Amino acid sequence: MISLAQYMVVVLLMLSAAGCVVIKTDGAGDDWQEEQRSNRETISGLQIGMSQEEVRQRLGTPADSEALSRDGEEIRVLFYRTHWRKSDGETTRDETTPLVFRGGELVGWGESVYMSAR
């Protein structure tokens, strides 16, 4: 039979072990400032007429995207995180720079280009 003292020792060990949990990620999201800086730098070096695939190779997966068809031509917008607005753990569109593609080619970037494409 387990004595009260032994039982208390087991409970205390369990409670102390629960406080030792460490959650480690693979590093994704650890350096959002570096990601934003890198995205701004890469975007500033883009050229009008680049293919969507070439842009994605340089910038990776966008934070968000949308697509529509106008006059039979596909318009696709990729949103890349470039600046910080609110520390909420989420990337919202007001923290991104939109890159606009028509027919798979880059036609421009920035809010005014995005609004005119819509």
PDB file of N, CA and C in Angstrom:
ATOM      1  N   MET A   1       0.833  -1.179   0.000  1.00  0.00           N
ATOM      2  CA  MET A   1       0.000   0.000   0.000  1.00  0.00           C
ATOM      3  C   MET A   1       0.879   1.244   0.000  1.00  0.00           C
ATOM      4  N   ILE A   2       0.451   2.272  -0.745  1.00  0.00           N
ATOM      5  CA  ILE A   2       1.229   3.504  -0.866  1.00  0.00           C
ATOM      6  C   ILE A   2       0.855   4.427   0.292  1.00  0.00           C
ATOM      7  N   SER A   3       1.875   4.949   0.947  1.00  0.00           N
ATOM      8  CA  SER A   3       1.633   5.866   2.056  1.00  0.00           C
ATOM      9  C   SER A   3       1.301   7.251   1.509  1.00  0.00           C
ATOM     10  N   LEU A   4       0.746   8.072   2.325  1.00  0.00           N
ATOM     11  CA  LEU A   4       0.393   9.441   1.940  1.00  0.00           C
ATOM     12  C   LEU A   4       1.640  10.217   1.507  1.00  0.00           C
ATOM     13  N   ALA A   5       2.752  10.015   2.177  1.00  0.00           N
ATOM     14  CA  ALA A   5       3.989  10.717   1.836  1.00  0.00           C
ATOM     15  C   ALA A   5       4.468  10.303   0.444  1.00  0.00           C
ATOM     16  N   GLN A   6       4.393   9.005   0.133  1.00  0.00           N
ATOM     17  CA  GLN A   6       4.803   8.531  -1.191  1.00  0.00           C
ATOM     18  C   GLN A   6       3.885   9.097  -2.276  1.00  0.00           C
ATOM     19  N   TYR A   7       2.613   9.116  -1.969  1.00  0.00           N
ATOM     20  CA  TYR A   7       1.635   9.654  -2.903  1.00  0.00           C
ATOM     21  C   TYR A   7       1.922  11.126  -3.181  1.00  0.00           C
ATOM     22  N   MET A   8       2.216  11.907  -2.164  1.00  0.00           N
ATOM     23  CA  MET A   8       2.501  13.330  -2.312  1.00  0.00           C
ATOM     24  C   MET A   8       3.777  13.550  -3.140  1.00  0.00           C
ATOM     25  N   VAL A   9       4.788  12.706  -2.946  1.00  0.00           N
ATOM     26  CA  VAL A   9       6.018  12.817  -3.718  1.00  0.00           C
ATOM     27  C   VAL A   9       5.726  12.588  -5.198  1.00  0.00           C
ATOM     28  N   VAL A  10       4.916  11.570  -5.497  1.00  0.00           N
ATOM     29  CA  VAL A  10       4.561  11.273  -6.879  1.00  0.00           C
ATOM     30  C   VAL A  10       3.795  12.452  -7.499  1.00  0.00           C
ATOM     31  N   VAL A  11       2.853  13.013  -6.779  1.00  0.00           N
ATOM     32  CA  VAL A  11       2.074  14.151  -7.264  1.00  0.00           C
ATOM     33  C   VAL A  11       2.984  15.357  -7.511  1.00  0.00           C
ATOM     34  N   LEU A  12       3.880  15.643  -6.583  1.00  0.00           N
ATOM     35  CA  LEU A  12       4.795  16.774  -6.751  1.00  0.00           C
ATOM     36  C   LEU A  12       5.718  16.572  -7.949  1.00  0.00           C
ATOM     37  N   LEU A  13       6.200  15.363  -8.162  1.00  0.00           N
ATOM     38  CA  LEU A  13       7.036  15.075  -9.329  1.00  0.00           C
ATOM     39  C   LEU A  13       6.264  15.272 -10.624  1.00  0.00           C
ATOM     40  N   MET A  14       5.012  14.845 -10.642  1.00  0.00           N
ATOM     41  CA  MET A  14       4.189  15.010 -11.838  1.00  0.00           C
ATOM     42  C   MET A  14       3.950  16.493 -12.131  1.00  0.00           C
ATOM     43  N   LEU A  15       3.661  17.263 -11.104  1.00  0.00           N
ATOM     44  CA  LEU A  15       3.420  18.689 -11.291  1.00  0.00           C
ATOM     45  C   LEU A  15       4.684  19.420 -11.751  1.00  0.00           C
ATOM     46  N   SER A  16       5.818  19.050 -11.191  1.00  0.00           N
ATOM     47  CA  SER A  16       7.052  19.721 -11.596  1.00  0.00           C
ATOM     48  C   SER A  16       7.430  19.343 -13.018  1.00  0.00           C
ATOM     49  N   ALA A  17       7.140  18.112 -13.433  1.00  0.00           N
ATOM     50  CA  ALA A  17       7.443  17.692 -14.804  1.00  0.00           C
ATOM     51  C   ALA A  17       6.553  18.432 -15.802  1.00  0.00           C
ATOM     52  N   ALA A  18       5.338  18.736 -15.411  1.00  0.00           N
ATOM     53  CA  ALA A  18       4.421  19.444 -16.307  1.00  0.00           C
ATOM     54  C   ALA A  18       4.928  20.843 -16.614  1.00  0.00           C
ATOM     55  N   GLY A  19       5.667  21.440 -15.709  1.00  0.00           N
ATOM     56  CA  GLY A  19       6.213  22.768 -15.931  1.00  0.00           C
ATOM     57  C   GLY A  19       7.444  22.779 -16.814  1.00  0.00           C
ATOM     58  N   CYS A  20       7.934  21.624 -17.204  1.00  0.00           N
ATOM     59  CA  CYS A  20       9.160  21.534 -17.997  1.00  0.00           C
ATOM     60  C   CYS A  20       8.893  21.320 -19.474  1.00  0.00           C
ATOM     61  N   VAL A  21       7.670  21.493 -19.919  1.00  0.00           N
ATOM     62  CA  VAL A  21       7.340  21.279 -21.316  1.00  0.00           C
ATOM     63  C   VAL A  21       7.912  22.418 -22.144  1.00  0.00           C
ATOM     64  N   VAL A  22       8.619  22.081 -23.211  1.00  0.00           N
ATOM     65  CA  VAL A  22       9.196  23.060 -24.116  1.00  0.00           C
ATOM     66  C   VAL A  22       8.624  22.807 -25.496  1.00  0.00           C
ATOM     67  N   ILE A  23       8.084  23.851 -26.097  1.00  0.00           N
ATOM     68  CA  ILE A  23       7.558  23.733 -27.448  1.00  0.00           C
ATOM     69  C   ILE A  23       8.552  24.401 -28.369  1.00  0.00           C
ATOM     70  N   LYS A  24       9.086  23.642 -29.295  1.00  0.00           N
ATOM     71  CA  LYS A  24      10.068  24.154 -30.245  1.00  0.00           C
ATOM     72  C   LYS A  24       9.524  23.986 -31.647  1.00  0.00           C
ATOM     73  N   THR A  25       9.585  25.053 -32.422  1.00  0.00           N
ATOM     74  CA  THR A  25       9.162  24.981 -33.817  1.00  0.00           C
ATOM     75  C   THR A  25      10.390  24.796 -34.684  1.00  0.00           C
ATOM     76  N   ASP A  26      10.169  24.617 -35.958  1.00  0.00           N
ATOM     77  CA  ASP A  26      11.281  24.453 -36.892  1.00  0.00           C
ATOM     78  C   ASP A  26      11.889  25.789 -37.305  1.00  0.00           C
ATOM     79  N   GLY A  27      11.497  26.858 -36.605  1.00  0.00           N
ATOM     80  CA  GLY A  27      12.033  28.178 -36.917  1.00  0.00           C
ATOM     81  C   GLY A  27      11.094  29.012 -37.764  1.00  0.00           C
ATOM     82  N   ALA A  28      10.036  28.417 -38.296  1.00  0.00           N
ATOM     83  CA  ALA A  28       9.091  29.150 -39.135  1.00  0.00           C
ATOM     84  C   ALA A  28       8.431  30.247 -38.308  1.00  0.00           C
ATOM     85  N   GLY A  29       8.447  31.461 -38.810  1.00  0.00           N
ATOM     86  CA  GLY A  29       7.796  32.565 -38.136  1.00  0.00           C
ATOM     87  C   GLY A  29       8.613  33.188 -37.026  1.00  0.00           C
ATOM     88  N   ASP A  30       9.816  32.663 -36.764  1.00  0.00           N
ATOM     89  CA  ASP A  30      10.637  33.206 -35.692  1.00  0.00           C
ATOM     90  C   ASP A  30      11.173  34.587 -36.016  1.00  0.00           C
ATOM     91  N   ASP A  31      11.424  34.861 -37.272  1.00  0.00           N
ATOM     92  CA  ASP A  31      12.041  36.117 -37.633  1.00  0.00           C
ATOM     93  C   ASP A  31      11.213  36.853 -38.678  1.00  0.00           C
ATOM     94  N   TRP A  32      10.053  37.340 -38.273  1.00  0.00           N
ATOM     95  CA  TRP A  32       9.157  38.014 -39.197  1.00  0.00           C
ATOM     96  C   TRP A  32       9.738  39.318 -39.708  1.00  0.00           C
ATOM     97  N   GLN A  33      10.576  39.970 -38.905  1.00  0.00           N
ATOM     98  CA  GLN A  33      11.188  41.215 -39.363  1.00  0.00           C
ATOM     99  C   GLN A  33      12.134  40.954 -40.529  1.00  0.00           C
ATOM    100  N   GLU A  34      12.887  39.863 -40.456  1.00  0.00           N
ATOM    101  CA  GLU A  34      13.790  39.501 -41.549  1.00  0.00           C
ATOM    102  C   GLU A  34      12.999  39.140 -42.805  1.00  0.00           C
ATOM    103  N   GLU A  35      11.886  38.421 -42.618  1.00  0.00           N
ATOM    104  CA  GLU A  35      11.035  38.063 -43.760  1.00  0.00           C
ATOM    105  C   GLU A  35      10.522  39.322 -44.454  1.00  0.00           C
ATOM    106  N   GLN A  36      10.041  40.284 -43.679  1.00  0.00           N
ATOM    107  CA  GLN A  36       9.521  41.530 -44.250  1.00  0.00           C
ATOM    108  C   GLN A  36      10.618  42.293 -44.975  1.00  0.00           C
ATOM    109  N   ARG A  37      11.785  42.405 -44.368  1.00  0.00           N
ATOM    110  CA  ARG A  37      12.893  43.110 -44.989  1.00  0.00           C
ATOM    111  C   ARG A  37      13.291  42.440 -46.303  1.00  0.00           C
ATOM    112  N   SER A  38      13.398  41.120 -46.265  1.00  0.00           N
ATOM    113  CA  SER A  38      13.773  40.358 -47.456  1.00  0.00           C
ATOM    114  C   SER A  38      12.732  40.520 -48.560  1.00  0.00           C
ATOM    115  N   ASN A  39      11.453  40.468 -48.200  1.00  0.00           N
ATOM    116  CA  ASN A  39      10.391  40.646 -49.194  1.00  0.00           C
ATOM    117  C   ASN A  39      10.440  42.036 -49.826  1.00  0.00           C
ATOM    118  N   ARG A  40      10.646  43.080 -49.001  1.00  0.00           N
ATOM    119  CA  ARG A  40      10.733  44.445 -49.553  1.00  0.00           C
ATOM    120  C   ARG A  40      11.910  44.561 -50.512  1.00  0.00           C
ATOM    121  N   GLU A  41      13.041  43.997 -50.114  1.00  0.00           N
ATOM    122  CA  GLU A  41      14.246  44.050 -50.953  1.00  0.00           C
ATOM    123  C   GLU A  41      14.028  43.315 -52.277  1.00  0.00           C
ATOM    124  N   THR A  42      13.436  42.129 -52.193  1.00  0.00           N
ATOM    125  CA  THR A  42      13.199  41.338 -53.403  1.00  0.00           C
ATOM    126  C   THR A  42      12.198  42.025 -54.316  1.00  0.00           C
ATOM    127  N   ILE A  43      11.118  42.552 -53.752  1.00  0.00           N
ATOM    128  CA  ILE A  43      10.093  43.235 -54.554  1.00  0.00           C
ATOM    129  C   ILE A  43      10.695  44.444 -55.262  1.00  0.00           C
ATOM    130  N   SER A  44      11.581  45.176 -54.596  1.00  0.00           N
ATOM    131  CA  SER A  44      12.170  46.361 -55.231  1.00  0.00           C
ATOM    132  C   SER A  44      13.044  45.994 -56.427  1.00  0.00           C
ATOM    133  N   GLY A  45      13.469  44.734 -56.522  1.00  0.00           N
ATOM    134  CA  GLY A  45      14.278  44.296 -57.653  1.00  0.00           C
ATOM    135  C   GLY A  45      13.509  43.599 -58.753  1.00  0.00           C
ATOM    136  N   LEU A  46      12.177  43.508 -58.622  1.00  0.00           N
ATOM    137  CA  LEU A  46      11.373  42.858 -59.652  1.00  0.00           C
ATOM    138  C   LEU A  46      11.267  43.727 -60.897  1.00  0.00           C
ATOM    139  N   GLN A  47      10.987  43.087 -62.024  1.00  0.00           N
ATOM    140  CA  GLN A  47      10.836  43.789 -63.288  1.00  0.00           C
ATOM    141  C   GLN A  47       9.442  43.529 -63.862  1.00  0.00           C
ATOM    142  N   ILE A  48       8.827  44.552 -64.395  1.00  0.00           N
ATOM    143  CA  ILE A  48       7.544  44.396 -65.075  1.00  0.00           C
ATOM    144  C   ILE A  48       7.740  43.370 -66.199  1.00  0.00           C
ATOM    145  N   GLY A  49       6.775  42.473 -66.354  1.00  0.00           N
ATOM    146  CA  GLY A  49       6.843  41.452 -67.394  1.00  0.00           C
ATOM    147  C   GLY A  49       7.394  40.121 -66.910  1.00  0.00           C
ATOM    148  N   MET A  50       7.905  40.072 -65.657  1.00  0.00           N
ATOM    149  CA  MET A  50       8.397  38.797 -65.128  1.00  0.00           C
ATOM    150  C   MET A  50       7.231  37.824 -65.015  1.00  0.00           C
ATOM    151  N   SER A  51       7.525  36.541 -65.155  1.00  0.00           N
ATOM    152  CA  SER A  51       6.463  35.542 -65.030  1.00  0.00           C
ATOM    153  C   SER A  51       6.099  35.342 -63.563  1.00  0.00           C
ATOM    154  N   GLN A  52       4.875  34.902 -63.353  1.00  0.00           N
ATOM    155  CA  GLN A  52       4.409  34.624 -61.999  1.00  0.00           C
ATOM    156  C   GLN A  52       5.291  33.559 -61.351  1.00  0.00           C
ATOM    157  N   GLU A  53       5.693  32.563 -62.112  1.00  0.00           N
ATOM    158  CA  GLU A  53       6.537  31.497 -61.574  1.00  0.00           C
ATOM    159  C   GLU A  53       7.892  32.035 -61.126  1.00  0.00           C
ATOM    160  N   GLU A  54       8.481  32.920 -61.913  1.00  0.00           N
ATOM    161  CA  GLU A  54       9.779  33.491 -61.538  1.00  0.00           C
ATOM    162  C   GLU A  54       9.669  34.314 -60.255  1.00  0.00           C
ATOM    163  N   VAL A  55       8.599  35.078 -60.126  1.00  0.00           N
ATOM    164  CA  VAL A  55       8.379  35.877 -58.917  1.00  0.00           C
ATOM    165  C   VAL A  55       8.203  34.956 -57.711  1.00  0.00           C
ATOM    166  N   ARG A  56       7.418  33.889 -57.871  1.00  0.00           N
ATOM    167  CA  ARG A  56       7.212  32.955 -56.754  1.00  0.00           C
ATOM    168  C   ARG A  56       8.505  32.251 -56.366  1.00  0.00           C
ATOM    169  N   GLN A  57       9.364  31.983 -57.332  1.00  0.00           N
ATOM    170  CA  GLN A  57      10.659  31.374 -57.008  1.00  0.00           C
ATOM    171  C   GLN A  57      11.501  32.315 -56.163  1.00  0.00           C
ATOM    172  N   ARG A  58      11.407  33.594 -56.425  1.00  0.00           N
ATOM    173  CA  ARG A  58      12.187  34.579 -55.665  1.00  0.00           C
ATOM    174  C   ARG A  58      11.596  34.857 -54.285  1.00  0.00           C
ATOM    175  N   LEU A  59      10.261  34.912 -54.207  1.00  0.00           N
ATOM    176  CA  LEU A  59       9.609  35.325 -52.966  1.00  0.00           C
ATOM    177  C   LEU A  59       8.993  34.180 -52.157  1.00  0.00           C
ATOM    178  N   GLY A  60       8.777  33.050 -52.770  1.00  0.00           N
ATOM    179  CA  GLY A  60       8.158  31.937 -52.054  1.00  0.00           C
ATOM    180  C   GLY A  60       6.642  32.051 -52.036  1.00  0.00           C
ATOM    181  N   THR A  61       6.046  31.380 -51.086  1.00  0.00           N
ATOM    182  CA  THR A  61       4.588  31.334 -50.958  1.00  0.00           C
ATOM    183  C   THR A  61       4.065  32.660 -50.425  1.00  0.00           C
ATOM    184  N   PRO A  62       3.058  33.233 -51.069  1.00  0.00           N
ATOM    185  CA  PRO A  62       2.506  34.502 -50.584  1.00  0.00           C
ATOM    186  C   PRO A  62       1.685  34.315 -49.315  1.00  0.00           C
ATOM    187  N   ALA A  63       1.489  35.410 -48.599  1.00  0.00           N
ATOM    188  CA  ALA A  63       0.656  35.386 -47.395  1.00  0.00           C
ATOM    189  C   ALA A  63      -0.815  35.210 -47.760  1.00  0.00           C
ATOM    190  N   ASP A  64      -1.189  35.661 -48.955  1.00  0.00           N
ATOM    191  CA  ASP A  64      -2.578  35.575 -49.414  1.00  0.00           C
ATOM    192  C   ASP A  64      -2.574  35.753 -50.932  1.00  0.00           C
ATOM    193  N   SER A  65      -3.693  35.438 -51.560  1.00  0.00           N
ATOM    194  CA  SER A  65      -3.810  35.637 -52.999  1.00  0.00           C
ATOM    195  C   SER A  65      -5.274  35.737 -53.384  1.00  0.00           C
ATOM    196  N   GLU A  66      -5.508  36.260 -54.571  1.00  0.00           N
ATOM    197  CA  GLU A  66      -6.858  36.264 -55.146  1.00  0.00           C
ATOM    198  C   GLU A  66      -6.725  36.272 -56.656  1.00  0.00           C
ATOM    199  N   ALA A  67      -7.784  35.861 -57.326  1.00  0.00           N
ATOM    200  CA  ALA A  67      -7.769  35.809 -58.787  1.00  0.00           C
ATOM    201  C   ALA A  67      -9.156  36.136 -59.311  1.00  0.00           C
ATOM    202  N   LEU A  68      -9.180  36.690 -60.530  1.00  0.00           N
ATOM    203  CA  LEU A  68     -10.444  36.979 -61.193  1.00  0.00           C
ATOM    204  C   LEU A  68     -10.195  36.974 -62.689  1.00  0.00           C
ATOM    205  N   SER A  69     -11.259  36.961 -63.435  1.00  0.00           N
ATOM    206  CA  SER A  69     -11.157  37.004 -64.887  1.00  0.00           C
ATOM    207  C   SER A  69     -11.847  38.269 -65.364  1.00  0.00           C
ATOM    208  N   ARG A  70     -11.150  39.026 -66.209  1.00  0.00           N
ATOM    209  CA  ARG A  70     -11.723  40.249 -66.759  1.00  0.00           C
ATOM    210  C   ARG A  70     -11.450  40.255 -68.259  1.00  0.00           C
ATOM    211  N   ASP A  71     -12.508  40.369 -69.036  1.00  0.00           N
ATOM    212  CA  ASP A  71     -12.400  40.357 -70.503  1.00  0.00           C
ATOM    213  C   ASP A  71     -11.647  39.129 -71.002  1.00  0.00           C
ATOM    214  N   GLY A  72     -11.901  37.986 -70.358  1.00  0.00           N
ATOM    215  CA  GLY A  72     -11.286  36.730 -70.765  1.00  0.00           C
ATOM    216  C   GLY A  72      -9.838  36.557 -70.356  1.00  0.00           C
ATOM    217  N   GLU A  73      -9.313  37.491 -69.579  1.00  0.00           N
ATOM    218  CA  GLU A  73      -7.912  37.418 -69.154  1.00  0.00           C
ATOM    219  C   GLU A  73      -7.847  37.234 -67.636  1.00  0.00           C
ATOM    220  N   GLU A  74      -6.985  36.313 -67.202  1.00  0.00           N
ATOM    221  CA  GLU A  74      -6.841  36.070 -65.764  1.00  0.00           C
ATOM    222  C   GLU A  74      -6.018  37.169 -65.119  1.00  0.00           C
ATOM    223  N   ILE A  75      -6.535  37.678 -64.017  1.00  0.00           N
ATOM    224  CA  ILE A  75      -5.796  38.632 -63.183  1.00  0.00           C
ATOM    225  C   ILE A  75      -5.592  37.939 -61.844  1.00  0.00           C
ATOM    226  N   ARG A  76      -4.343  37.812 -61.438  1.00  0.00           N
ATOM    227  CA  ARG A  76      -4.007  37.160 -60.171  1.00  0.00           C
ATOM    228  C   ARG A  76      -3.194  38.141 -59.338  1.00  0.00           C
ATOM    229  N   VAL A  77      -3.518  38.186 -58.036  1.00  0.00           N
ATOM    230  CA  VAL A  77      -2.814  39.083 -57.123  1.00  0.00           C
ATOM    231  C   VAL A  77      -2.217  38.229 -56.010  1.00  0.00           C
ATOM    232  N   LEU A  78      -0.909  38.379 -55.802  1.00  0.00           N
ATOM    233  CA  LEU A  78      -0.213  37.705 -54.713  1.00  0.00           C
ATOM    234  C   LEU A  78       0.155  38.765 -53.683  1.00  0.00           C
ATOM    235  N   PHE A  79      -0.123  38.488 -52.421  1.00  0.00           N
ATOM    236  CA  PHE A  79       0.134  39.439 -51.341  1.00  0.00           C
ATOM    237  C   PHE A  79       1.295  38.925 -50.496  1.00  0.00           C
ATOM    238  N   TYR A  80       2.371  39.717 -50.405  1.00  0.00           N
ATOM    239  CA  TYR A  80       3.542  39.351 -49.619  1.00  0.00           C
ATOM    240  C   TYR A  80       3.697  40.302 -48.437  1.00  0.00           C
ATOM    241  N   ARG A  81       3.971  39.729 -47.274  1.00  0.00           N
ATOM    242  CA  ARG A  81       4.145  40.514 -46.050  1.00  0.00           C
ATOM    243  C   ARG A  81       5.380  41.401 -46.180  1.00  0.00           C
ATOM    244  N   THR A  82       5.173  42.722 -45.994  1.00  0.00           N
ATOM    245  CA  THR A  82       6.283  43.662 -46.125  1.00  0.00           C
ATOM    246  C   THR A  82       6.373  44.663 -44.980  1.00  0.00           C
ATOM    247  N   HIS A  83       5.365  44.764 -44.158  1.00  0.00           N
ATOM    248  CA  HIS A  83       5.405  45.699 -43.043  1.00  0.00           C
ATOM    249  C   HIS A  83       4.462  45.251 -41.934  1.00  0.00           C
ATOM    250  N   TRP A  84       4.642  45.823 -40.753  1.00  0.00           N
ATOM    251  CA  TRP A  84       3.931  45.434 -39.549  1.00  0.00           C
ATOM    252  C   TRP A  84       2.947  46.531 -39.154  1.00  0.00           C
ATOM    253  N   ARG A  85       1.757  46.131 -38.765  1.00  0.00           N
ATOM    254  CA  ARG A  85       0.749  47.095 -38.297  1.00  0.00           C
ATOM    255  C   ARG A  85       0.308  46.800 -36.861  1.00  0.00           C
ATOM    256  N   LYS A  86       0.023  45.516 -36.586  1.00  0.00           N
ATOM    257  CA  LYS A  86      -0.548  45.149 -35.290  1.00  0.00           C
ATOM    258  C   LYS A  86       0.030  43.816 -34.836  1.00  0.00           C
ATOM    259  N   SER A  87       0.448  43.762 -33.593  1.00  0.00           N
ATOM    260  CA  SER A  87       1.033  42.538 -33.048  1.00  0.00           C
ATOM    261  C   SER A  87      -0.078  41.599 -32.594  1.00  0.00           C
ATOM    262  N   ASP A  88      -0.639  40.858 -33.569  1.00  0.00           N
ATOM    263  CA  ASP A  88      -1.727  39.945 -33.244  1.00  0.00           C
ATOM    264  C   ASP A  88      -1.442  38.520 -33.720  1.00  0.00           C
ATOM    265  N   GLY A  89      -0.254  38.296 -34.270  1.00  0.00           N
ATOM    266  CA  GLY A  89       0.101  36.958 -34.730  1.00  0.00           C
ATOM    267  C   GLY A  89      -0.476  36.594 -36.082  1.00  0.00           C
ATOM    268  N   GLU A  90      -1.218  37.494 -36.688  1.00  0.00           N
ATOM    269  CA  GLU A  90      -1.838  37.252 -37.984  1.00  0.00           C
ATOM    270  C   GLU A  90      -1.298  38.250 -39.009  1.00  0.00           C
ATOM    271  N   THR A  91      -1.186  37.803 -40.248  1.00  0.00           N
ATOM    272  CA  THR A  91      -0.817  38.710 -41.329  1.00  0.00           C
ATOM    273  C   THR A  91      -2.101  39.129 -42.028  1.00  0.00           C
ATOM    274  N   THR A  92      -2.377  40.417 -41.989  1.00  0.00           N
ATOM    275  CA  THR A  92      -3.564  40.953 -42.648  1.00  0.00           C
ATOM    276  C   THR A  92      -3.133  41.672 -43.927  1.00  0.00           C
ATOM    277  N   ARG A  93      -4.074  41.914 -44.806  1.00  0.00           N
ATOM    278  CA  ARG A  93      -3.753  42.520 -46.101  1.00  0.00           C
ATOM    279  C   ARG A  93      -3.099  43.886 -45.964  1.00  0.00           C
ATOM    280  N   ASP A  94      -3.427  44.633 -44.915  1.00  0.00           N
ATOM    281  CA  ASP A  94      -2.806  45.946 -44.747  1.00  0.00           C
ATOM    282  C   ASP A  94      -1.345  45.848 -44.310  1.00  0.00           C
ATOM    283  N   GLU A  95      -0.839  44.628 -44.123  1.00  0.00           N
ATOM    284  CA  GLU A  95       0.565  44.401 -43.794  1.00  0.00           C
ATOM    285  C   GLU A  95       1.318  43.781 -44.985  1.00  0.00           C
ATOM    286  N   THR A  96       0.686  43.808 -46.150  1.00  0.00           N
ATOM    287  CA  THR A  96       1.270  43.171 -47.323  1.00  0.00           C
ATOM    288  C   THR A  96       1.394  44.154 -48.480  1.00  0.00           C
ATOM    289  N   THR A  97       2.183  43.735 -49.472  1.00  0.00           N
ATOM    290  CA  THR A  97       2.274  44.454 -50.738  1.00  0.00           C
ATOM    291  C   THR A  97       1.685  43.549 -51.815  1.00  0.00           C
ATOM    292  N   PRO A  98       0.672  44.035 -52.538  1.00  0.00           N
ATOM    293  CA  PRO A  98       0.081  43.216 -53.600  1.00  0.00           C
ATOM    294  C   PRO A  98       0.919  43.266 -54.877  1.00  0.00           C
ATOM    295  N   LEU A  99       1.106  42.105 -55.501  1.00  0.00           N
ATOM    296  CA  LEU A  99       1.771  41.980 -56.797  1.00  0.00           C
ATOM    297  C   LEU A  99       0.716  41.524 -57.789  1.00  0.00           C
ATOM    298  N   VAL A 100       0.517  42.271 -58.866  1.00  0.00           N
ATOM    299  CA  VAL A 100      -0.574  42.022 -59.801  1.00  0.00           C
ATOM    300  C   VAL A 100      -0.024  41.409 -61.094  1.00  0.00           C
ATOM    301  N   PHE A 101      -0.661  40.301 -61.517  1.00  0.00           N
ATOM    302  CA  PHE A 101      -0.277  39.592 -62.731  1.00  0.00           C
ATOM    303  C   PHE A 101      -1.468  39.545 -63.673  1.00  0.00           C
ATOM    304  N   ARG A 102      -1.219  39.797 -64.964  1.00  0.00           N
ATOM    305  CA  ARG A 102      -2.228  39.622 -66.010  1.00  0.00           C
ATOM    306  C   ARG A 102      -1.675  38.603 -66.987  1.00  0.00           C
ATOM    307  N   GLY A 103      -2.446  37.564 -67.225  1.00  0.00           N
ATOM    308  CA  GLY A 103      -1.998  36.532 -68.143  1.00  0.00           C
ATOM    309  C   GLY A 103      -0.685  35.894 -67.717  1.00  0.00           C
ATOM    310  N   GLY A 104      -0.442  35.845 -66.414  1.00  0.00           N
ATOM    311  CA  GLY A 104       0.769  35.219 -65.894  1.00  0.00           C
ATOM    312  C   GLY A 104       2.000  36.108 -65.867  1.00  0.00           C
ATOM    313  N   GLU A 105       1.863  37.392 -66.262  1.00  0.00           N
ATOM    314  CA  GLU A 105       2.994  38.316 -66.269  1.00  0.00           C
ATOM    315  C   GLU A 105       2.764  39.447 -65.267  1.00  0.00           C
ATOM    316  N   LEU A 106       3.822  39.834 -64.580  1.00  0.00           N
ATOM    317  CA  LEU A 106       3.762  40.914 -63.599  1.00  0.00           C
ATOM    318  C   LEU A 106       3.500  42.243 -64.299  1.00  0.00           C
ATOM    319  N   VAL A 107       2.419  42.920 -63.890  1.00  0.00           N
ATOM    320  CA  VAL A 107       2.099  44.224 -64.478  1.00  0.00           C
ATOM    321  C   VAL A 107       2.354  45.365 -63.499  1.00  0.00           C
ATOM    322  N   GLY A 108       2.592  45.033 -62.231  1.00  0.00           N
ATOM    323  CA  GLY A 108       2.891  46.073 -61.250  1.00  0.00           C
ATOM    324  C   GLY A 108       2.659  45.579 -59.837  1.00  0.00           C
ATOM    325  N   TRP A 109       2.982  46.443 -58.871  1.00  0.00           N
ATOM    326  CA  TRP A 109       2.759  46.113 -57.464  1.00  0.00           C
ATOM    327  C   TRP A 109       2.439  47.382 -56.701  1.00  0.00           C
ATOM    328  N   GLY A 110       1.839  47.194 -55.562  1.00  0.00           N
ATOM    329  CA  GLY A 110       1.425  48.312 -54.724  1.00  0.00           C
ATOM    330  C   GLY A 110      -0.089  48.461 -54.718  1.00  0.00           C
ATOM    331  N   GLU A 111      -0.551  49.229 -53.762  1.00  0.00           N
ATOM    332  CA  GLU A 111      -1.994  49.385 -53.541  1.00  0.00           C
ATOM    333  C   GLU A 111      -2.708  50.016 -54.735  1.00  0.00           C
ATOM    334  N   SER A 112      -2.107  51.031 -55.371  1.00  0.00           N
ATOM    335  CA  SER A 112      -2.793  51.689 -56.494  1.00  0.00           C
ATOM    336  C   SER A 112      -2.936  50.757 -57.697  1.00  0.00           C
ATOM    337  N   VAL A 113      -1.931  49.938 -57.946  1.00  0.00           N
ATOM    338  CA  VAL A 113      -2.010  48.963 -59.046  1.00  0.00           C
ATOM    339  C   VAL A 113      -3.097  47.932 -58.730  1.00  0.00           C
ATOM    340  N   TYR A 114      -3.115  47.477 -57.484  1.00  0.00           N
ATOM    341  CA  TYR A 114      -4.121  46.495 -57.056  1.00  0.00           C
ATOM    342  C   TYR A 114      -5.529  47.063 -57.217  1.00  0.00           C
ATOM    343  N   MET A 115      -5.744  48.294 -56.767  1.00  0.00           N
ATOM    344  CA  MET A 115      -7.087  48.880 -56.849  1.00  0.00           C
ATOM    345  C   MET A 115      -7.520  49.084 -58.298  1.00  0.00           C
ATOM    346  N   SER A 116      -6.617  49.432 -59.185  1.00  0.00           N
ATOM    347  CA  SER A 116      -6.989  49.621 -60.586  1.00  0.00           C
ATOM    348  C   SER A 116      -7.256  48.280 -61.280  1.00  0.00           C
ATOM    349  N   ALA A 117      -6.639  47.212 -60.800  1.00  0.00           N
ATOM    350  CA  ALA A 117      -6.862  45.880 -61.402  1.00  0.00           C
ATOM    351  C   ALA A 117      -8.200  45.292 -60.990  1.00  0.00           C
ATOM    352  N   ARG A 118      -8.736  45.723 -59.890  1.00  0.00           N
ATOM    353  CA  ARG A 118     -10.004  45.185 -59.392  1.00  0.00           C
ATOM    354  C   ARG A 118     -11.112  45.779 -60.195  1.00  0.00           C
TER     355      ARG A 118
END
